[in-house]
Amino acid sequence: MKIGFISLGCSKNLVDTEMMIGLAKENNLEIVNDEKEAEIIVINTCGFIESAKEEAINTILEMAEYKKKKCKGNFNCWAIIIWQNHFC
């Protein structure tokens, strides 16, 4: 399974994302840098700062557009997982 990661917000989010990437690799998931190739996208974001919330919403909507184009009616072919860090 191909998984992509998007890290938004502070440097703590980047560290958390790197930890998630490590866990994904340990579980034999293929890490991709291009969201268009991903079957799963994890968006790690901050839910604490208003501008970060706005950035997260825009990113989620952008990734949902990829889903529409890629799935063509198959609702089970792709997922977006959102992780909010409330301790930034």
PDB file of N, CA and C in Angstrom:
ATOM      1  N   MET A   1       0.834  -1.169   0.000  1.00  0.00           N
ATOM      2  CA  MET A   1       0.000   0.000   0.000  1.00  0.00           C
ATOM      3  C   MET A   1       0.886   1.242   0.000  1.00  0.00           C
ATOM      4  N   LYS A   2       0.510   2.224  -0.805  1.00  0.00           N
ATOM      5  CA  LYS A   2       1.274   3.469  -0.913  1.00  0.00           C
ATOM      6  C   LYS A   2       0.657   4.511   0.004  1.00  0.00           C
ATOM      7  N   ILE A   3       1.517   5.132   0.825  1.00  0.00           N
ATOM      8  CA  ILE A   3       1.044   6.117   1.792  1.00  0.00           C
ATOM      9  C   ILE A   3       1.876   7.399   1.662  1.00  0.00           C
ATOM     10  N   GLY A   4       1.174   8.535   1.688  1.00  0.00           N
ATOM     11  CA  GLY A   4       1.835   9.829   1.635  1.00  0.00           C
ATOM     12  C   GLY A   4       1.560  10.611   2.906  1.00  0.00           C
ATOM     13  N   PHE A   5       2.476  11.463   3.267  1.00  0.00           N
ATOM     14  CA  PHE A   5       2.350  12.260   4.486  1.00  0.00           C
ATOM     15  C   PHE A   5       2.467  13.738   4.142  1.00  0.00           C
ATOM     16  N   ILE A   6       1.629  14.542   4.774  1.00  0.00           N
ATOM     17  CA  ILE A   6       1.711  16.001   4.678  1.00  0.00           C
ATOM     18  C   ILE A   6       1.775  16.521   6.102  1.00  0.00           C
ATOM     19  N   SER A   7       2.820  17.279   6.389  1.00  0.00           N
ATOM     20  CA  SER A   7       2.996  17.839   7.722  1.00  0.00           C
ATOM     21  C   SER A   7       2.790  19.348   7.657  1.00  0.00           C
ATOM     22  N   LEU A   8       1.829  19.831   8.423  1.00  0.00           N
ATOM     23  CA  LEU A   8       1.532  21.266   8.481  1.00  0.00           C
ATOM     24  C   LEU A   8       1.760  21.754   9.906  1.00  0.00           C
ATOM     25  N   GLY A   9       2.104  23.010  10.054  1.00  0.00           N
ATOM     26  CA  GLY A   9       2.229  23.571  11.391  1.00  0.00           C
ATOM     27  C   GLY A   9       3.662  23.641  11.872  1.00  0.00           C
ATOM     28  N   CYS A  10       3.829  23.436  13.153  1.00  0.00           N
ATOM     29  CA  CYS A  10       5.111  23.658  13.822  1.00  0.00           C
ATOM     30  C   CYS A  10       6.092  22.509  13.613  1.00  0.00           C
ATOM     31  N   SER A  11       7.307  22.697  14.123  1.00  0.00           N
ATOM     32  CA  SER A  11       8.348  21.674  13.979  1.00  0.00           C
ATOM     33  C   SER A  11       8.003  20.399  14.748  1.00  0.00           C
ATOM     34  N   LYS A  12       7.198  20.499  15.801  1.00  0.00           N
ATOM     35  CA  LYS A  12       6.767  19.296  16.522  1.00  0.00           C
ATOM     36  C   LYS A  12       5.939  18.405  15.601  1.00  0.00           C
ATOM     37  N   ASN A  13       5.104  19.015  14.769  1.00  0.00           N
ATOM     38  CA  ASN A  13       4.323  18.239  13.812  1.00  0.00           C
ATOM     39  C   ASN A  13       5.242  17.504  12.839  1.00  0.00           C
ATOM     40  N   LEU A  14       6.319  18.159  12.409  1.00  0.00           N
ATOM     41  CA  LEU A  14       7.260  17.519  11.504  1.00  0.00           C
ATOM     42  C   LEU A  14       7.903  16.303  12.171  1.00  0.00           C
ATOM     43  N   VAL A  15       8.294  16.442  13.428  1.00  0.00           N
ATOM     44  CA  VAL A  15       8.877  15.321  14.169  1.00  0.00           C
ATOM     45  C   VAL A  15       7.852  14.191  14.304  1.00  0.00           C
ATOM     46  N   ASP A  16       6.618  14.534  14.636  1.00  0.00           N
ATOM     47  CA  ASP A  16       5.570  13.517  14.744  1.00  0.00           C
ATOM     48  C   ASP A  16       5.348  12.806  13.411  1.00  0.00           C
ATOM     49  N   THR A  17       5.368  13.574  12.323  1.00  0.00           N
ATOM     50  CA  THR A  17       5.198  12.984  10.997  1.00  0.00           C
ATOM     51  C   THR A  17       6.346  12.035  10.683  1.00  0.00           C
ATOM     52  N   GLU A  18       7.558  12.432  11.024  1.00  0.00           N
ATOM     53  CA  GLU A  18       8.707  11.561  10.793  1.00  0.00           C
ATOM     54  C   GLU A  18       8.581  10.259  11.591  1.00  0.00           C
ATOM     55  N   MET A  19       8.034  10.343  12.786  1.00  0.00           N
ATOM     56  CA  MET A  19       7.807   9.127  13.583  1.00  0.00           C
ATOM     57  C   MET A  19       6.767   8.230  12.909  1.00  0.00           C
ATOM     58  N   MET A  20       5.694   8.844  12.372  1.00  0.00           N
ATOM     59  CA  MET A  20       4.675   8.066  11.672  1.00  0.00           C
ATOM     60  C   MET A  20       5.243   7.413  10.414  1.00  0.00           C
ATOM     61  N   ILE A  21       6.124   8.120   9.716  1.00  0.00           N
ATOM     62  CA  ILE A  21       6.766   7.551   8.527  1.00  0.00           C
ATOM     63  C   ILE A  21       7.587   6.332   8.928  1.00  0.00           C
ATOM     64  N   GLY A  22       8.310   6.449  10.032  1.00  0.00           N
ATOM     65  CA  GLY A  22       9.086   5.312  10.525  1.00  0.00           C
ATOM     66  C   GLY A  22       8.207   4.104  10.829  1.00  0.00           C
ATOM     67  N   LEU A  23       7.074   4.331  11.465  1.00  0.00           N
ATOM     68  CA  LEU A  23       6.139   3.239  11.770  1.00  0.00           C
ATOM     69  C   LEU A  23       5.563   2.635  10.492  1.00  0.00           C
ATOM     70  N   ALA A  24       5.269   3.485   9.531  1.00  0.00           N
ATOM     71  CA  ALA A  24       4.741   2.988   8.260  1.00  0.00           C
ATOM     72  C   ALA A  24       5.765   2.095   7.562  1.00  0.00           C
ATOM     73  N   LYS A  25       7.029   2.530   7.562  1.00  0.00           N
ATOM     74  CA  LYS A  25       8.089   1.724   6.951  1.00  0.00           C
ATOM     75  C   LYS A  25       8.259   0.391   7.669  1.00  0.00           C
ATOM     76  N   GLU A  26       8.190   0.421   8.999  1.00  0.00           N
ATOM     77  CA  GLU A  26       8.301  -0.817   9.782  1.00  0.00           C
ATOM     78  C   GLU A  26       7.199  -1.806   9.432  1.00  0.00           C
ATOM     79  N   ASN A  27       6.064  -1.286   8.987  1.00  0.00           N
ATOM     80  CA  ASN A  27       4.920  -2.123   8.631  1.00  0.00           C
ATOM     81  C   ASN A  27       4.806  -2.332   7.125  1.00  0.00           C
ATOM     82  N   ASN A  28       5.934  -2.146   6.440  1.00  0.00           N
ATOM     83  CA  ASN A  28       6.061  -2.446   5.012  1.00  0.00           C
ATOM     84  C   ASN A  28       5.129  -1.649   4.113  1.00  0.00           C
ATOM     85  N   LEU A  29       4.800  -0.421   4.522  1.00  0.00           N
ATOM     86  CA  LEU A  29       4.034   0.469   3.657  1.00  0.00           C
ATOM     87  C   LEU A  29       5.014   1.244   2.785  1.00  0.00           C
ATOM     88  N   GLU A  30       4.654   1.466   1.545  1.00  0.00           N
ATOM     89  CA  GLU A  30       5.494   2.208   0.623  1.00  0.00           C
ATOM     90  C   GLU A  30       5.223   3.702   0.795  1.00  0.00           C
ATOM     91  N   ILE A  31       6.253   4.463   1.107  1.00  0.00           N
ATOM     92  CA  ILE A  31       6.123   5.906   1.308  1.00  0.00           C
ATOM     93  C   ILE A  31       6.305   6.587  -0.049  1.00  0.00           C
ATOM     94  N   VAL A  32       5.347   7.459  -0.389  1.00  0.00           N
ATOM     95  CA  VAL A  32       5.440   8.208  -1.643  1.00  0.00           C
ATOM     96  C   VAL A  32       5.422   9.699  -1.341  1.00  0.00           C
ATOM     97  N   ASN A  33       6.135  10.457  -2.149  1.00  0.00           N
ATOM     98  CA  ASN A  33       6.192  11.909  -1.970  1.00  0.00           C
ATOM     99  C   ASN A  33       5.137  12.631  -2.791  1.00  0.00           C
ATOM    100  N   ASP A  34       4.604  11.967  -3.795  1.00  0.00           N
ATOM    101  CA  ASP A  34       3.591  12.564  -4.656  1.00  0.00           C
ATOM    102  C   ASP A  34       2.219  12.081  -4.216  1.00  0.00           C
ATOM    103  N   GLU A  35       1.390  13.016  -3.750  1.00  0.00           N
ATOM    104  CA  GLU A  35       0.066  12.656  -3.243  1.00  0.00           C
ATOM    105  C   GLU A  35      -0.783  11.950  -4.294  1.00  0.00           C
ATOM    106  N   LYS A  36      -0.521  12.231  -5.564  1.00  0.00           N
ATOM    107  CA  LYS A  36      -1.283  11.611  -6.637  1.00  0.00           C
ATOM    108  C   LYS A  36      -1.047  10.095  -6.703  1.00  0.00           C
ATOM    109  N   GLU A  37       0.090   9.651  -6.197  1.00  0.00           N
ATOM    110  CA  GLU A  37       0.412   8.223  -6.200  1.00  0.00           C
ATOM    111  C   GLU A  37      -0.105   7.512  -4.954  1.00  0.00           C
ATOM    112  N   ALA A  38      -0.451   8.257  -3.925  1.00  0.00           N
ATOM    113  CA  ALA A  38      -0.803   7.672  -2.626  1.00  0.00           C
ATOM    114  C   ALA A  38      -2.197   7.057  -2.633  1.00  0.00           C
ATOM    115  N   GLU A  39      -2.312   5.923  -1.947  1.00  0.00           N
ATOM    116  CA  GLU A  39      -3.612   5.314  -1.689  1.00  0.00           C
ATOM    117  C   GLU A  39      -4.187   5.838  -0.375  1.00  0.00           C
ATOM    118  N   ILE A  40      -3.287   6.211   0.518  1.00  0.00           N
ATOM    119  CA  ILE A  40      -3.654   6.812   1.809  1.00  0.00           C
ATOM    120  C   ILE A  40      -2.815   8.071   1.976  1.00  0.00           C
ATOM    121  N   ILE A  41      -3.448   9.135   2.430  1.00  0.00           N
ATOM    122  CA  ILE A  41      -2.713  10.356   2.755  1.00  0.00           C
ATOM    123  C   ILE A  41      -2.980  10.695   4.216  1.00  0.00           C
ATOM    124  N   VAL A  42      -1.901  10.904   4.955  1.00  0.00           N
ATOM    125  CA  VAL A  42      -1.996  11.333   6.347  1.00  0.00           C
ATOM    126  C   VAL A  42      -1.635  12.811   6.387  1.00  0.00           C
ATOM    127  N   ILE A  43      -2.547  13.617   6.878  1.00  0.00           N
ATOM    128  CA  ILE A  43      -2.300  15.049   7.037  1.00  0.00           C
ATOM    129  C   ILE A  43      -2.130  15.307   8.526  1.00  0.00           C
ATOM    130  N   ASN A  44      -0.934  15.647   8.924  1.00  0.00           N
ATOM    131  CA  ASN A  44      -0.636  15.943  10.323  1.00  0.00           C
ATOM    132  C   ASN A  44      -0.652  17.452  10.476  1.00  0.00           C
ATOM    133  N   THR A  45      -1.602  17.943  11.271  1.00  0.00           N
ATOM    134  CA  THR A  45      -1.788  19.384  11.363  1.00  0.00           C
ATOM    135  C   THR A  45      -2.020  19.826  12.803  1.00  0.00           C
ATOM    136  N   CYS A  46      -1.952  21.103  12.991  1.00  0.00           N
ATOM    137  CA  CYS A  46      -2.196  21.705  14.295  1.00  0.00           C
ATOM    138  C   CYS A  46      -3.638  22.204  14.349  1.00  0.00           C
ATOM    139  N   GLY A  47      -4.323  21.912  15.420  1.00  0.00           N
ATOM    140  CA  GLY A  47      -5.682  22.394  15.590  1.00  0.00           C
ATOM    141  C   GLY A  47      -5.754  23.535  16.591  1.00  0.00           C
ATOM    142  N   PHE A  48      -4.623  24.128  16.894  1.00  0.00           N
ATOM    143  CA  PHE A  48      -4.534  25.129  17.949  1.00  0.00           C
ATOM    144  C   PHE A  48      -4.592  26.556  17.414  1.00  0.00           C
ATOM    145  N   ILE A  49      -3.925  26.807  16.298  1.00  0.00           N
ATOM    146  CA  ILE A  49      -3.801  28.151  15.754  1.00  0.00           C
ATOM    147  C   ILE A  49      -4.780  28.307  14.587  1.00  0.00           C
ATOM    148  N   GLU A  50      -5.489  29.427  14.562  1.00  0.00           N
ATOM    149  CA  GLU A  50      -6.534  29.628  13.548  1.00  0.00           C
ATOM    150  C   GLU A  50      -5.993  29.527  12.121  1.00  0.00           C
ATOM    151  N   SER A  51      -4.845  30.137  11.860  1.00  0.00           N
ATOM    152  CA  SER A  51      -4.293  30.076  10.500  1.00  0.00           C
ATOM    153  C   SER A  51      -3.917  28.644  10.124  1.00  0.00           C
ATOM    154  N   ALA A  52      -3.489  27.852  11.099  1.00  0.00           N
ATOM    155  CA  ALA A  52      -3.158  26.451  10.832  1.00  0.00           C
ATOM    156  C   ALA A  52      -4.413  25.660  10.497  1.00  0.00           C
ATOM    157  N   LYS A  53      -5.517  25.987  11.164  1.00  0.00           N
ATOM    158  CA  LYS A  53      -6.790  25.323  10.854  1.00  0.00           C
ATOM    159  C   LYS A  53      -7.201  25.614   9.420  1.00  0.00           C
ATOM    160  N   GLU A  54      -7.067  26.864   9.012  1.00  0.00           N
ATOM    161  CA  GLU A  54      -7.425  27.250   7.648  1.00  0.00           C
ATOM    162  C   GLU A  54      -6.546  26.524   6.629  1.00  0.00           C
ATOM    163  N   GLU A  55      -5.244  26.470   6.913  1.00  0.00           N
ATOM    164  CA  GLU A  55      -4.320  25.771   6.019  1.00  0.00           C
ATOM    165  C   GLU A  55      -4.690  24.292   5.929  1.00  0.00           C
ATOM    166  N   ALA A  56      -5.054  23.708   7.051  1.00  0.00           N
ATOM    167  CA  ALA A  56      -5.435  22.295   7.077  1.00  0.00           C
ATOM    168  C   ALA A  56      -6.687  22.052   6.244  1.00  0.00           C
ATOM    169  N   ILE A  57      -7.676  22.898   6.395  1.00  0.00           N
ATOM    170  CA  ILE A  57      -8.921  22.750   5.632  1.00  0.00           C
ATOM    171  C   ILE A  57      -8.641  22.843   4.134  1.00  0.00           C
ATOM    172  N   ASN A  58      -7.821  23.817   3.739  1.00  0.00           N
ATOM    173  CA  ASN A  58      -7.476  23.962   2.323  1.00  0.00           C
ATOM    174  C   ASN A  58      -6.735  22.730   1.798  1.00  0.00           C
ATOM    175  N   THR A  59      -5.837  22.193   2.594  1.00  0.00           N
ATOM    176  CA  THR A  59      -5.092  21.005   2.183  1.00  0.00           C
ATOM    177  C   THR A  59      -6.007  19.796   2.076  1.00  0.00           C
ATOM    178  N   ILE A  60      -6.908  19.639   3.023  1.00  0.00           N
ATOM    179  CA  ILE A  60      -7.861  18.528   2.989  1.00  0.00           C
ATOM    180  C   ILE A  60      -8.719  18.612   1.727  1.00  0.00           C
ATOM    181  N   LEU A  61      -9.201  19.802   1.410  1.00  0.00           N
ATOM    182  CA  LEU A  61     -10.019  19.978   0.209  1.00  0.00           C
ATOM    183  C   LEU A  61      -9.219  19.684  -1.062  1.00  0.00           C
ATOM    184  N   GLU A  62      -7.962  20.110  -1.078  1.00  0.00           N
ATOM    185  CA  GLU A  62      -7.103  19.844  -2.235  1.00  0.00           C
ATOM    186  C   GLU A  62      -6.884  18.340  -2.412  1.00  0.00           C
ATOM    187  N   MET A  63      -6.623  17.638  -1.317  1.00  0.00           N
ATOM    188  CA  MET A  63      -6.414  16.192  -1.388  1.00  0.00           C
ATOM    189  C   MET A  63      -7.703  15.466  -1.773  1.00  0.00           C
ATOM    190  N   ALA A  64      -8.837  16.001  -1.359  1.00  0.00           N
ATOM    191  CA  ALA A  64     -10.122  15.403  -1.732  1.00  0.00           C
ATOM    192  C   ALA A  64     -10.337  15.501  -3.237  1.00  0.00           C
ATOM    193  N   GLU A  65      -9.816  16.536  -3.863  1.00  0.00           N
ATOM    194  CA  GLU A  65      -9.902  16.649  -5.319  1.00  0.00           C
ATOM    195  C   GLU A  65      -9.131  15.512  -5.993  1.00  0.00           C
ATOM    196  N   TYR A  66      -7.950  15.174  -5.439  1.00  0.00           N
ATOM    197  CA  TYR A  66      -7.203  14.037  -5.973  1.00  0.00           C
ATOM    198  C   TYR A  66      -8.033  12.766  -5.865  1.00  0.00           C
ATOM    199  N   LYS A  67      -8.720  12.633  -4.729  1.00  0.00           N
ATOM    200  CA  LYS A  67      -9.551  11.449  -4.510  1.00  0.00           C
ATOM    201  C   LYS A  67     -10.621  11.339  -5.586  1.00  0.00           C
ATOM    202  N   LYS A  68     -11.295  12.441  -5.869  1.00  0.00           N
ATOM    203  CA  LYS A  68     -12.353  12.432  -6.884  1.00  0.00           C
ATOM    204  C   LYS A  68     -11.816  11.968  -8.237  1.00  0.00           C
ATOM    205  N   LYS A  69     -10.666  12.492  -8.619  1.00  0.00           N
ATOM    206  CA  LYS A  69     -10.090  12.168  -9.924  1.00  0.00           C
ATOM    207  C   LYS A  69      -9.598  10.728  -9.980  1.00  0.00           C
ATOM    208  N   LYS A  70      -9.062  10.248  -8.875  1.00  0.00           N
ATOM    209  CA  LYS A  70      -8.441   8.930  -8.865  1.00  0.00           C
ATOM    210  C   LYS A  70      -9.467   7.811  -8.714  1.00  0.00           C
ATOM    211  N   CYS A  71     -10.476   8.003  -7.913  1.00  0.00           N
ATOM    212  CA  CYS A  71     -11.386   6.918  -7.569  1.00  0.00           C
ATOM    213  C   CYS A  71     -12.470   6.661  -8.598  1.00  0.00           C
ATOM    214  N   LYS A  72     -12.929   7.686  -9.258  1.00  0.00           N
ATOM    215  CA  LYS A  72     -13.957   7.541 -10.292  1.00  0.00           C
ATOM    216  C   LYS A  72     -15.139   6.701  -9.815  1.00  0.00           C
ATOM    217  N   GLY A  73     -15.679   7.024  -8.654  1.00  0.00           N
ATOM    218  CA  GLY A  73     -16.878   6.353  -8.161  1.00  0.00           C
ATOM    219  C   GLY A  73     -16.624   5.228  -7.178  1.00  0.00           C
ATOM    220  N   ASN A  74     -15.381   4.797  -7.017  1.00  0.00           N
ATOM    221  CA  ASN A  74     -15.065   3.746  -6.059  1.00  0.00           C
ATOM    222  C   ASN A  74     -14.709   4.409  -4.730  1.00  0.00           C
ATOM    223  N   PHE A  75     -15.628   4.392  -3.785  1.00  0.00           N
ATOM    224  CA  PHE A  75     -15.440   5.131  -2.531  1.00  0.00           C
ATOM    225  C   PHE A  75     -14.445   4.468  -1.579  1.00  0.00           C
ATOM    226  N   ASN A  76     -14.060   3.239  -1.855  1.00  0.00           N
ATOM    227  CA  ASN A  76     -13.162   2.526  -0.948  1.00  0.00           C
ATOM    228  C   ASN A  76     -11.717   2.512  -1.427  1.00  0.00           C
ATOM    229  N   CYS A  77     -11.397   3.258  -2.479  1.00  0.00           N
ATOM    230  CA  CYS A  77     -10.063   3.115  -3.056  1.00  0.00           C
ATOM    231  C   CYS A  77      -9.029   4.050  -2.440  1.00  0.00           C
ATOM    232  N   TRP A  78      -9.429   4.973  -1.602  1.00  0.00           N
ATOM    233  CA  TRP A  78      -8.485   5.994  -1.162  1.00  0.00           C
ATOM    234  C   TRP A  78      -8.935   6.574   0.165  1.00  0.00           C
ATOM    235  N   ALA A  79      -8.026   6.967   1.007  1.00  0.00           N
ATOM    236  CA  ALA A  79      -8.395   7.526   2.308  1.00  0.00           C
ATOM    237  C   ALA A  79      -7.528   8.739   2.635  1.00  0.00           C
ATOM    238  N   ILE A  80      -8.113   9.643   3.375  1.00  0.00           N
ATOM    239  CA  ILE A  80      -7.367  10.759   3.960  1.00  0.00           C
ATOM    240  C   ILE A  80      -7.507  10.625   5.465  1.00  0.00           C
ATOM    241  N   ILE A  81      -6.389  10.605   6.151  1.00  0.00           N
ATOM    242  CA  ILE A  81      -6.378  10.519   7.605  1.00  0.00           C
ATOM    243  C   ILE A  81      -5.853  11.846   8.134  1.00  0.00           C
ATOM    244  N   ILE A  82      -6.565  12.421   9.075  1.00  0.00           N
ATOM    245  CA  ILE A  82      -6.172  13.721   9.623  1.00  0.00           C
ATOM    246  C   ILE A  82      -5.757  13.536  11.083  1.00  0.00           C
ATOM    247  N   TRP A  83      -4.572  13.991  11.393  1.00  0.00           N
ATOM    248  CA  TRP A  83      -4.061  13.926  12.755  1.00  0.00           C
ATOM    249  C   TRP A  83      -3.863  15.356  13.228  1.00  0.00           C
ATOM    250  N   GLN A  84      -4.582  15.745  14.281  1.00  0.00           N
ATOM    251  CA  GLN A  84      -4.431  17.100  14.795  1.00  0.00           C
ATOM    252  C   GLN A  84      -3.640  17.079  16.092  1.00  0.00           C
ATOM    253  N   ASN A  85      -2.633  17.875  16.137  1.00  0.00           N
ATOM    254  CA  ASN A  85      -1.821  18.024  17.320  1.00  0.00           C
ATOM    255  C   ASN A  85      -2.308  19.274  18.058  1.00  0.00           C
ATOM    256  N   HIS A  86      -2.887  19.074  19.212  1.00  0.00           N
ATOM    257  CA  HIS A  86      -3.432  20.198  19.981  1.00  0.00           C
ATOM    258  C   HIS A  86      -2.439  20.756  20.993  1.00  0.00           C
ATOM    259  N   PHE A  87      -1.188  20.313  20.899  1.00  0.00           N
ATOM    260  CA  PHE A  87      -0.194  20.730  21.887  1.00  0.00           C
ATOM    261  C   PHE A  87       0.956  21.483  21.253  1.00  0.00           C
ATOM    262  N   CYS A  88       0.701  22.167  20.130  1.00  0.00           N
ATOM    263  CA  CYS A  88       1.768  22.918  19.442  1.00  0.00           C
ATOM    264  C   CYS A  88       2.288  24.037  20.319  1.00  0.00           C
TER     265      CYS A  88
END
